[in-house]
Each structure stands twice: as C-alpha cells, then as structure tokens.
C-alpha cells in the first residue's frame, strides 16, 4: 500500500534526523568550546533569509 511506503519513509527520516541530532549533541558535549551563544544579530540574519519564504 502507498500509505505503508509513506509511513516507512517518515520512520526512516525520523531515524536519520535522530542520528544527526545525536551526533551534534555528542560533538557539543565533547567540544563545548566550539559552542557560541545565539545572538540578536544571528536572529536578524535568519529573519532576513526567511522573509520571503511561504509555507503552505
């Protein structure tokens, strides 16, 4: 069935995202000096980049 394929794809995507986030967390714990605080300037840059993005 087609819905089974969608469910499997969603599950696979979830596993991949989980592995990616786990690797980020591992790196952050092992190398805390690489972390930088999120600033208002970073936020403003993101706002500028996403200003014309439309989500349906």
PDB file of N, CA and C in Angstrom:
ATOM      1  N   UNK A   1       0.821  -1.195   0.000  1.00  0.00           N
ATOM      2  CA  UNK A   1       0.000   0.000   0.000  1.00  0.00           C
ATOM      3  C   UNK A   1       0.857   1.248   0.000  1.00  0.00           C
ATOM      4  N   UNK A   2       0.321   2.293  -0.546  1.00  0.00           N
ATOM      5  CA  UNK A   2       1.059   3.554  -0.627  1.00  0.00           C
ATOM      6  C   UNK A   2       1.254   4.177   0.753  1.00  0.00           C
ATOM      7  N   UNK A   3       0.272   4.068   1.625  1.00  0.00           N
ATOM      8  CA  UNK A   3       0.410   4.656   2.968  1.00  0.00           C
ATOM      9  C   UNK A   3       1.501   3.962   3.760  1.00  0.00           C
ATOM     10  N   UNK A   4       1.712   2.675   3.508  1.00  0.00           N
ATOM     11  CA  UNK A   4       2.800   1.971   4.184  1.00  0.00           C
ATOM     12  C   UNK A   4       4.145   2.544   3.767  1.00  0.00           C
ATOM     13  N   UNK A   5       4.295   2.873   2.475  1.00  0.00           N
ATOM     14  CA  UNK A   5       5.536   3.476   1.988  1.00  0.00           C
ATOM     15  C   UNK A   5       5.771   4.828   2.634  1.00  0.00           C
ATOM     16  N   UNK A   6       4.710   5.611   2.793  1.00  0.00           N
ATOM     17  CA  UNK A   6       4.830   6.922   3.432  1.00  0.00           C
ATOM     18  C   UNK A   6       5.230   6.755   4.885  1.00  0.00           C
ATOM     19  N   UNK A   7       4.596   5.818   5.582  1.00  0.00           N
ATOM     20  CA  UNK A   7       4.934   5.561   6.980  1.00  0.00           C
ATOM     21  C   UNK A   7       6.388   5.136   7.131  1.00  0.00           C
ATOM     22  N   UNK A   8       6.851   4.243   6.230  1.00  0.00           N
ATOM     23  CA  UNK A   8       8.244   3.795   6.272  1.00  0.00           C
ATOM     24  C   UNK A   8       9.191   4.955   5.990  1.00  0.00           C
ATOM     25  N   UNK A   9       8.857   5.795   5.035  1.00  0.00           N
ATOM     26  CA  UNK A   9       9.702   6.947   4.705  1.00  0.00           C
ATOM     27  C   UNK A   9       9.771   7.900   5.888  1.00  0.00           C
ATOM     28  N   UNK A  10       8.640   8.148   6.538  1.00  0.00           N
ATOM     29  CA  UNK A  10       8.622   9.024   7.708  1.00  0.00           C
ATOM     30  C   UNK A  10       9.454   8.438   8.842  1.00  0.00           C
ATOM     31  N   UNK A  11       9.351   7.129   9.039  1.00  0.00           N
ATOM     32  CA  UNK A  11      10.130   6.473  10.087  1.00  0.00           C
ATOM     33  C   UNK A  11      11.618   6.555   9.774  1.00  0.00           C
ATOM     34  N   UNK A  12      11.994   6.292   8.518  1.00  0.00           N
ATOM     35  CA  UNK A  12      13.396   6.389   8.108  1.00  0.00           C
ATOM     36  C   UNK A  12      13.916   7.808   8.304  1.00  0.00           C
ATOM     37  N   UNK A  13      13.108   8.796   7.927  1.00  0.00           N
ATOM     38  CA  UNK A  13      13.516  10.195   8.085  1.00  0.00           C
ATOM     39  C   UNK A  13      13.706  10.523   9.566  1.00  0.00           C
ATOM     40  N   UNK A  14      12.814  10.031  10.394  1.00  0.00           N
ATOM     41  CA  UNK A  14      12.921  10.265  11.836  1.00  0.00           C
ATOM     42  C   UNK A  14      14.188   9.666  12.411  1.00  0.00           C
ATOM     43  N   UNK A  15      14.543   8.475  11.952  1.00  0.00           N
ATOM     44  CA  UNK A  15      15.769   7.821  12.423  1.00  0.00           C
ATOM     45  C   UNK A  15      16.990   8.619  11.991  1.00  0.00           C
ATOM     46  N   UNK A  16      16.994   9.071  10.746  1.00  0.00           N
ATOM     47  CA  UNK A  16      18.132   9.848  10.238  1.00  0.00           C
ATOM     48  C   UNK A  16      18.282  11.157  11.005  1.00  0.00           C
ATOM     49  N   UNK A  17      17.177  11.837  11.241  1.00  0.00           N
ATOM     50  CA  UNK A  17      17.221  13.094  11.999  1.00  0.00           C
ATOM     51  C   UNK A  17      17.716  12.828  13.414  1.00  0.00           C
ATOM     52  N   UNK A  18      17.235  11.757  14.024  1.00  0.00           N
ATOM     53  CA  UNK A  18      17.662  11.408  15.377  1.00  0.00           C
ATOM     54  C   UNK A  18      19.164  11.145  15.431  1.00  0.00           C
ATOM     55  N   UNK A  19      19.684  10.407  14.453  1.00  0.00           N
ATOM     56  CA  UNK A  19      21.122  10.141  14.405  1.00  0.00           C
ATOM     57  C   UNK A  19      21.924  11.425  14.217  1.00  0.00           C
ATOM     58  N   UNK A  20      21.425  12.317  13.364  1.00  0.00           N
ATOM     59  CA  UNK A  20      22.100  13.586  13.136  1.00  0.00           C
ATOM     60  C   UNK A  20      22.137  14.421  14.416  1.00  0.00           C
ATOM     61  N   UNK A  21      20.987  14.512  15.093  1.00  0.00           N
ATOM     62  CA  UNK A  21      20.935  15.290  16.332  1.00  0.00           C
ATOM     63  C   UNK A  21      21.800  14.663  17.419  1.00  0.00           C
ATOM     64  N   UNK A  22      21.848  13.334  17.472  1.00  0.00           N
ATOM     65  CA  UNK A  22      22.722  12.654  18.426  1.00  0.00           C
ATOM     66  C   UNK A  22      24.181  13.007  18.175  1.00  0.00           C
ATOM     67  N   UNK A  23      24.578  13.063  16.891  1.00  0.00           N
ATOM     68  CA  UNK A  23      25.969  13.396  16.584  1.00  0.00           C
ATOM     69  C   UNK A  23      26.280  14.847  16.945  1.00  0.00           C
ATOM     70  N   UNK A  24      25.315  15.737  16.754  1.00  0.00           N
ATOM     71  CA  UNK A  24      25.516  17.130  17.165  1.00  0.00           C
ATOM     72  C   UNK A  24      25.680  17.239  18.677  1.00  0.00           C
ATOM     73  N   UNK A  25      24.831  16.529  19.412  1.00  0.00           N
ATOM     74  CA  UNK A  25      24.903  16.560  20.871  1.00  0.00           C
ATOM     75  C   UNK A  25      26.226  15.990  21.368  1.00  0.00           C
ATOM     76  N   UNK A  26      26.664  14.889  20.760  1.00  0.00           N
ATOM     77  CA  UNK A  26      27.935  14.276  21.140  1.00  0.00           C
ATOM     78  C   UNK A  26      29.076  15.265  20.920  1.00  0.00           C
ATOM     79  N   UNK A  27      29.070  15.950  19.786  1.00  0.00           N
ATOM     80  CA  UNK A  27      30.116  16.930  19.499  1.00  0.00           C
ATOM     81  C   UNK A  27      30.061  18.094  20.485  1.00  0.00           C
ATOM     82  N   UNK A  28      28.854  18.546  20.820  1.00  0.00           N
ATOM     83  CA  UNK A  28      28.715  19.664  21.764  1.00  0.00           C
ATOM     84  C   UNK A  28      29.248  19.281  23.141  1.00  0.00           C
ATOM     85  N   UNK A  29      28.986  18.058  23.573  1.00  0.00           N
ATOM     86  CA  UNK A  29      29.459  17.599  24.882  1.00  0.00           C
ATOM     87  C   UNK A  29      30.980  17.436  24.877  1.00  0.00           C
ATOM     88  N   UNK A  30      31.526  16.919  23.785  1.00  0.00           N
ATOM     89  CA  UNK A  30      32.962  16.678  23.702  1.00  0.00           C
ATOM     90  C   UNK A  30      33.762  17.954  23.434  1.00  0.00           C
ATOM     91  N   UNK A  31      33.131  18.953  22.806  1.00  0.00           N
ATOM     92  CA  UNK A  31      33.844  20.179  22.425  1.00  0.00           C
ATOM     93  C   UNK A  31      33.031  21.421  22.787  1.00  0.00           C
ATOM     94  N   UNK A  32      32.794  21.639  24.073  1.00  0.00           N
ATOM     95  CA  UNK A  32      31.948  22.774  24.459  1.00  0.00           C
ATOM     96  C   UNK A  32      32.519  24.141  24.060  1.00  0.00           C
ATOM     97  N   UNK A  33      33.818  24.205  23.838  1.00  0.00           N
ATOM     98  CA  UNK A  33      34.422  25.482  23.454  1.00  0.00           C
ATOM     99  C   UNK A  33      34.007  25.919  22.050  1.00  0.00           C
ATOM    100  N   UNK A  34      33.477  24.975  21.249  1.00  0.00           N
ATOM    101  CA  UNK A  34      33.010  25.318  19.900  1.00  0.00           C
ATOM    102  C   UNK A  34      31.638  25.984  19.907  1.00  0.00           C
ATOM    103  N   UNK A  35      30.923  25.881  21.027  1.00  0.00           N
ATOM    104  CA  UNK A  35      29.577  26.448  21.103  1.00  0.00           C
ATOM    105  C   UNK A  35      29.656  27.965  21.203  1.00  0.00           C
ATOM    106  N   UNK A  36      28.745  28.636  20.520  1.00  0.00           N
ATOM    107  CA  UNK A  36      28.669  30.095  20.597  1.00  0.00           C
ATOM    108  C   UNK A  36      27.233  30.488  20.948  1.00  0.00           C
ATOM    109  N   UNK A  37      27.083  31.545  21.719  1.00  0.00           N
ATOM    110  CA  UNK A  37      25.727  31.978  22.077  1.00  0.00           C
ATOM    111  C   UNK A  37      24.968  32.482  20.849  1.00  0.00           C
ATOM    112  N   UNK A  38      23.676  32.218  20.840  1.00  0.00           N
ATOM    113  CA  UNK A  38      22.807  32.704  19.763  1.00  0.00           C
ATOM    114  C   UNK A  38      22.511  34.171  20.042  1.00  0.00           C
ATOM    115  N   UNK A  39      22.849  35.030  19.086  1.00  0.00           N
ATOM    116  CA  UNK A  39      22.727  36.476  19.300  1.00  0.00           C
ATOM    117  C   UNK A  39      21.543  37.059  18.530  1.00  0.00           C
ATOM    118  N   UNK A  40      21.214  38.286  18.872  1.00  0.00           N
ATOM    119  CA  UNK A  40      20.166  39.000  18.161  1.00  0.00           C
ATOM    120  C   UNK A  40      20.569  39.198  16.698  1.00  0.00           C
ATOM    121  N   UNK A  41      21.846  39.417  16.448  1.00  0.00           N
ATOM    122  CA  UNK A  41      22.340  39.566  15.068  1.00  0.00           C
ATOM    123  C   UNK A  41      22.082  38.301  14.260  1.00  0.00           C
ATOM    124  N   UNK A  42      22.341  37.141  14.848  1.00  0.00           N
ATOM    125  CA  UNK A  42      22.058  35.877  14.164  1.00  0.00           C
ATOM    126  C   UNK A  42      20.567  35.759  13.874  1.00  0.00           C
ATOM    127  N   UNK A  43      19.755  36.136  14.842  1.00  0.00           N
ATOM    128  CA  UNK A  43      18.313  36.083  14.674  1.00  0.00           C
ATOM    129  C   UNK A  43      17.854  37.007  13.546  1.00  0.00           C
ATOM    130  N   UNK A  44      18.413  38.201  13.495  1.00  0.00           N
ATOM    131  CA  UNK A  44      18.061  39.148  12.433  1.00  0.00           C
ATOM    132  C   UNK A  44      18.451  38.621  11.056  1.00  0.00           C
ATOM    133  N   UNK A  45      19.619  37.963  10.972  1.00  0.00           N
ATOM    134  CA  UNK A  45      20.048  37.374   9.703  1.00  0.00           C
ATOM    135  C   UNK A  45      19.075  36.282   9.256  1.00  0.00           C
ATOM    136  N   UNK A  46      18.649  35.448  10.197  1.00  0.00           N
ATOM    137  CA  UNK A  46      17.679  34.398   9.870  1.00  0.00           C
ATOM    138  C   UNK A  46      16.361  35.004   9.404  1.00  0.00           C
ATOM    139  N   UNK A  47      15.916  36.046  10.091  1.00  0.00           N
ATOM    140  CA  UNK A  47      14.679  36.713   9.684  1.00  0.00           C
ATOM    141  C   UNK A  47      14.784  37.246   8.263  1.00  0.00           C
ATOM    142  N   UNK A  48      15.929  37.832   7.926  1.00  0.00           N
ATOM    143  CA  UNK A  48      16.138  38.351   6.569  1.00  0.00           C
ATOM    144  C   UNK A  48      16.130  37.220   5.536  1.00  0.00           C
ATOM    145  N   UNK A  49      16.800  36.119   5.867  1.00  0.00           N
ATOM    146  CA  UNK A  49      16.852  34.981   4.935  1.00  0.00           C
ATOM    147  C   UNK A  49      15.480  34.364   4.711  1.00  0.00           C
ATOM    148  N   UNK A  50      14.655  34.349   5.743  1.00  0.00           N
ATOM    149  CA  UNK A  50      13.353  33.676   5.659  1.00  0.00           C
ATOM    150  C   UNK A  50      12.200  34.610   5.357  1.00  0.00           C
ATOM    151  N   UNK A  51      12.481  35.884   5.127  1.00  0.00           N
ATOM    152  CA  UNK A  51      11.417  36.887   4.943  1.00  0.00           C
ATOM    153  C   UNK A  51      10.464  36.540   3.807  1.00  0.00           C
ATOM    154  N   UNK A  52      10.976  36.008   2.724  1.00  0.00           N
ATOM    155  CA  UNK A  52      10.131  35.731   1.553  1.00  0.00           C
ATOM    156  C   UNK A  52       9.704  34.269   1.439  1.00  0.00           C
ATOM    157  N   UNK A  53       9.988  33.470   2.461  1.00  0.00           N
ATOM    158  CA  UNK A  53       9.614  32.063   2.444  1.00  0.00           C
ATOM    159  C   UNK A  53       8.135  31.927   2.809  1.00  0.00           C
ATOM    160  N   UNK A  54       7.407  31.198   1.967  1.00  0.00           N
ATOM    161  CA  UNK A  54       5.987  30.964   2.205  1.00  0.00           C
ATOM    162  C   UNK A  54       5.794  29.489   2.509  1.00  0.00           C
ATOM    163  N   UNK A  55       5.121  29.202   3.606  1.00  0.00           N
ATOM    164  CA  UNK A  55       4.831  27.822   3.985  1.00  0.00           C
ATOM    165  C   UNK A  55       3.345  27.585   3.792  1.00  0.00           C
ATOM    166  N   UNK A  56       3.034  26.597   2.966  1.00  0.00           N
ATOM    167  CA  UNK A  56       1.620  26.259   2.711  1.00  0.00           C
ATOM    168  C   UNK A  56       1.132  25.218   3.666  1.00  0.00           C
TER     169      UNK A  56
END
